[in-house]
Amino acid sequence: MKEFARKIEIAREILHKKIEENMDKKEILRVSQELDKLIVNYLLECTIKA
């Protein structure tokens, strides 16, 4: 689960950086979708272990 938390934090940092740099909206959307997938997988992992 620490691996998911680390990946989520990295994706968040990348997303914030791209937003601050006014990157292409498609690129921001792509990173946002990856972050969503990581969060869902993390929550599923937590549910399975509970």
C-alpha atoms as a PDB file:
ATOM      1  CA  MET A   1       0.000   0.000   0.000  1.00  0.00           C
ATOM      2  CA  LYS A   2       2.956   2.295   0.519  1.00  0.00           C
ATOM      3  CA  GLU A   3       3.734   1.841  -3.175  1.00  0.00           C
ATOM      4  CA  PHE A   4       0.248   3.129  -4.130  1.00  0.00           C
ATOM      5  CA  ALA A   5       0.616   6.088  -1.775  1.00  0.00           C
ATOM      6  CA  ARG A   6       3.997   6.951  -3.303  1.00  0.00           C
ATOM      7  CA  LYS A   7       2.645   6.708  -6.862  1.00  0.00           C
ATOM      8  CA  ILE A   8      -0.383   8.828  -5.959  1.00  0.00           C
ATOM      9  CA  GLU A   9       1.842  11.521  -4.461  1.00  0.00           C
ATOM     10  CA  ILE A  10       4.096  11.534  -7.543  1.00  0.00           C
ATOM     11  CA  ALA A  11       1.088  11.786  -9.887  1.00  0.00           C
ATOM     12  CA  ARG A  12      -0.335  14.645  -7.795  1.00  0.00           C
ATOM     13  CA  GLU A  13       2.952  16.523  -7.997  1.00  0.00           C
ATOM     14  CA  ILE A  14       3.151  16.025 -11.769  1.00  0.00           C
ATOM     15  CA  LEU A  15      -0.448  17.173 -12.204  1.00  0.00           C
ATOM     16  CA  HIS A  16       0.085  20.324 -10.127  1.00  0.00           C
ATOM     17  CA  LYS A  17       3.282  21.115 -12.037  1.00  0.00           C
ATOM     18  CA  LYS A  18       1.528  20.738 -15.399  1.00  0.00           C
ATOM     19  CA  ILE A  19      -1.339  22.948 -14.261  1.00  0.00           C
ATOM     20  CA  GLU A  20       1.087  25.619 -13.019  1.00  0.00           C
ATOM     21  CA  GLU A  21       2.965  25.482 -16.339  1.00  0.00           C
ATOM     22  CA  ASN A  22      -0.326  25.885 -18.248  1.00  0.00           C
ATOM     23  CA  MET A  23       0.335  22.653 -20.112  1.00  0.00           C
ATOM     24  CA  ASP A  24      -1.918  21.315 -22.823  1.00  0.00           C
ATOM     25  CA  LYS A  25      -5.342  20.370 -21.486  1.00  0.00           C
ATOM     26  CA  LYS A  26      -5.054  16.892 -23.010  1.00  0.00           C
ATOM     27  CA  GLU A  27      -1.842  16.282 -21.068  1.00  0.00           C
ATOM     28  CA  ILE A  28      -3.433  17.525 -17.838  1.00  0.00           C
ATOM     29  CA  LEU A  29      -6.429  15.255 -18.460  1.00  0.00           C
ATOM     30  CA  ARG A  30      -4.132  12.272 -19.095  1.00  0.00           C
ATOM     31  CA  VAL A  31      -2.272  12.762 -15.813  1.00  0.00           C
ATOM     32  CA  SER A  32      -5.551  13.359 -13.977  1.00  0.00           C
ATOM     33  CA  GLN A  33      -6.955  10.086 -15.324  1.00  0.00           C
ATOM     34  CA  GLU A  34      -3.815   8.219 -14.245  1.00  0.00           C
ATOM     35  CA  LEU A  35      -4.191   9.716 -10.784  1.00  0.00           C
ATOM     36  CA  ASP A  36      -7.833   8.594 -10.681  1.00  0.00           C
ATOM     37  CA  LYS A  37      -6.805   5.034 -11.612  1.00  0.00           C
ATOM     38  CA  LEU A  38      -4.162   4.967  -8.885  1.00  0.00           C
ATOM     39  CA  ILE A  39      -6.651   6.180  -6.285  1.00  0.00           C
ATOM     40  CA  VAL A  40      -9.248   3.587  -7.320  1.00  0.00           C
ATOM     41  CA  ASN A  41      -6.659   0.798  -7.215  1.00  0.00           C
ATOM     42  CA  TYR A  42      -5.493   1.984  -3.801  1.00  0.00           C
ATOM     43  CA  LEU A  43      -9.043   1.973  -2.449  1.00  0.00           C
ATOM     44  CA  LEU A  44      -9.690  -1.489  -3.894  1.00  0.00           C
ATOM     45  CA  GLU A  45      -6.507  -2.762  -2.271  1.00  0.00           C
ATOM     46  CA  CYS A  46      -7.600  -1.302   1.075  1.00  0.00           C
ATOM     47  CA  THR A  47     -11.025  -2.920   0.730  1.00  0.00           C
ATOM     48  CA  ILE A  48      -9.565  -6.333  -0.085  1.00  0.00           C
ATOM     49  CA  LYS A  49      -7.230  -6.225   2.916  1.00  0.00           C
ATOM     50  CA  ALA A  50      -9.997  -5.093   5.276  1.00  0.00           C
END
